[in-house]
Amino acid sequence: MSPGFKILVGMRVRLRKMHPCGNDEWVVSRTGADIGMTCARCGRHVLLDREEFERRVKLVVETPDPSKAAPSTGE
């Protein structure tokens, strides 16, 4: 993937290396300086810095529909 692509909460991504549980798909649960991800198979939660995340992503499997996202609370 190209560096600097848009990362959204709810996005499903496939990483270059397999997780020990045998899965390679993750769901983004947090964005910012660090990217929080949850394994789509076992539920393990990990944090990667943005640069490492962009380097490890092989494919964006699914992008959430922004029109269905909850409105921002402004916090």
C-alpha atoms as a PDB file:
ATOM      1  CA  MET A   1       0.000   0.000   0.000  1.00  0.00           C
ATOM      2  CA  SER A   2       1.109   3.547  -0.574  1.00  0.00           C
ATOM      3  CA  PRO A   3       2.170   5.510   2.515  1.00  0.00           C
ATOM      4  CA  GLY A   4      -0.290   8.090   3.757  1.00  0.00           C
ATOM      5  CA  PHE A   5      -3.496   6.334   2.653  1.00  0.00           C
ATOM      6  CA  LYS A   6      -6.732   7.143   4.533  1.00  0.00           C
ATOM      7  CA  ILE A   7      -7.177   4.962   7.622  1.00  0.00           C
ATOM      8  CA  LEU A   8     -10.707   4.697   9.026  1.00  0.00           C
ATOM      9  CA  VAL A   9     -12.118   2.993  12.127  1.00  0.00           C
ATOM     10  CA  GLY A  10     -13.917  -0.178  11.034  1.00  0.00           C
ATOM     11  CA  MET A  11     -11.644  -0.749   8.028  1.00  0.00           C
ATOM     12  CA  ARG A  12     -10.666  -4.420   7.469  1.00  0.00           C
ATOM     13  CA  VAL A  13      -7.077  -4.898   6.341  1.00  0.00           C
ATOM     14  CA  ARG A  14      -4.912  -7.867   5.428  1.00  0.00           C
ATOM     15  CA  LEU A  15      -1.350  -7.751   6.777  1.00  0.00           C
ATOM     16  CA  ARG A  16       1.775  -9.227   5.221  1.00  0.00           C
ATOM     17  CA  LYS A  17       2.447 -11.672   8.083  1.00  0.00           C
ATOM     18  CA  MET A  18       0.028 -14.111   9.694  1.00  0.00           C
ATOM     19  CA  HIS A  19      -1.031 -13.724  13.322  1.00  0.00           C
ATOM     20  CA  PRO A  20      -0.127 -16.749  15.511  1.00  0.00           C
ATOM     21  CA  CYS A  21      -3.824 -17.758  15.519  1.00  0.00           C
ATOM     22  CA  GLY A  22      -3.552 -18.311  11.742  1.00  0.00           C
ATOM     23  CA  ASN A  23      -5.463 -15.215  10.602  1.00  0.00           C
ATOM     24  CA  ASP A  24      -4.168 -12.293   8.547  1.00  0.00           C
ATOM     25  CA  GLU A  25      -7.228  -9.977   8.646  1.00  0.00           C
ATOM     26  CA  TRP A  26      -7.583  -7.179  11.198  1.00  0.00           C
ATOM     27  CA  VAL A  27     -10.227  -4.543  11.956  1.00  0.00           C
ATOM     28  CA  VAL A  28      -9.007  -1.004  12.720  1.00  0.00           C
ATOM     29  CA  SER A  29     -10.398   0.078  16.096  1.00  0.00           C
ATOM     30  CA  ARG A  30      -8.462   3.297  16.696  1.00  0.00           C
ATOM     31  CA  THR A  31      -6.635   5.882  14.600  1.00  0.00           C
ATOM     32  CA  GLY A  32      -4.150   8.593  15.495  1.00  0.00           C
ATOM     33  CA  ALA A  33      -0.400   8.470  16.006  1.00  0.00           C
ATOM     34  CA  ASP A  34      -0.895   4.791  16.869  1.00  0.00           C
ATOM     35  CA  ILE A  35      -3.294   2.502  15.014  1.00  0.00           C
ATOM     36  CA  GLY A  36      -5.310   0.078  17.140  1.00  0.00           C
ATOM     37  CA  MET A  37      -6.316  -3.192  15.493  1.00  0.00           C
ATOM     38  CA  THR A  38      -8.357  -6.208  16.550  1.00  0.00           C
ATOM     39  CA  CYS A  39      -7.746  -9.649  15.058  1.00  0.00           C
ATOM     40  CA  ALA A  40     -10.841 -10.703  13.089  1.00  0.00           C
ATOM     41  CA  ARG A  41     -10.444 -14.307  14.266  1.00  0.00           C
ATOM     42  CA  CYS A  42      -9.291 -14.372  17.902  1.00  0.00           C
ATOM     43  CA  GLY A  43     -10.076 -10.817  19.043  1.00  0.00           C
ATOM     44  CA  ARG A  44      -6.538  -9.925  20.162  1.00  0.00           C
ATOM     45  CA  HIS A  45      -5.997  -6.144  20.266  1.00  0.00           C
ATOM     46  CA  VAL A  46      -2.647  -4.594  19.274  1.00  0.00           C
ATOM     47  CA  LEU A  47      -1.269  -1.097  18.706  1.00  0.00           C
ATOM     48  CA  LEU A  48       1.170  -0.232  15.912  1.00  0.00           C
ATOM     49  CA  ASP A  49       2.626   3.160  15.168  1.00  0.00           C
ATOM     50  CA  ARG A  50       1.266   4.626  11.933  1.00  0.00           C
ATOM     51  CA  GLU A  51       4.485   4.097   9.951  1.00  0.00           C
ATOM     52  CA  GLU A  52       4.707   0.418  10.937  1.00  0.00           C
ATOM     53  CA  PHE A  53       0.998  -0.108  10.161  1.00  0.00           C
ATOM     54  CA  GLU A  54       1.350   1.392   6.653  1.00  0.00           C
ATOM     55  CA  ARG A  55       4.398  -0.792   5.996  1.00  0.00           C
ATOM     56  CA  ARG A  56       2.654  -4.024   7.113  1.00  0.00           C
ATOM     57  CA  VAL A  57      -0.675  -3.573   5.258  1.00  0.00           C
ATOM     58  CA  LYS A  58      -0.882  -5.692   2.124  1.00  0.00           C
ATOM     59  CA  LEU A  59      -4.524  -5.109   1.146  1.00  0.00           C
ATOM     60  CA  VAL A  60      -7.575  -3.130   2.280  1.00  0.00           C
ATOM     61  CA  VAL A  61     -10.311  -5.788   2.337  1.00  0.00           C
ATOM     62  CA  GLU A  62     -13.249  -3.573   3.296  1.00  0.00           C
ATOM     63  CA  THR A  63     -13.725   0.142   3.906  1.00  0.00           C
ATOM     64  CA  PRO A  64     -16.596   1.286   6.127  1.00  0.00           C
ATOM     65  CA  ASP A  65     -19.326   3.430   4.586  1.00  0.00           C
ATOM     66  CA  PRO A  66     -18.815   6.965   6.039  1.00  0.00           C
ATOM     67  CA  SER A  67     -22.534   7.766   5.651  1.00  0.00           C
ATOM     68  CA  LYS A  68     -23.382   5.002   8.168  1.00  0.00           C
ATOM     69  CA  ALA A  69     -20.788   6.137  10.716  1.00  0.00           C
ATOM     70  CA  ALA A  70     -21.926   7.606  14.017  1.00  0.00           C
ATOM     71  CA  PRO A  71     -21.786  11.409  14.153  1.00  0.00           C
ATOM     72  CA  SER A  72     -18.771  12.929  15.870  1.00  0.00           C
ATOM     73  CA  THR A  73     -19.318  14.141  19.440  1.00  0.00           C
ATOM     74  CA  GLY A  74     -16.604  16.793  19.158  1.00  0.00           C
ATOM     75  CA  GLU A  75     -14.590  15.547  22.133  1.00  0.00           C
END
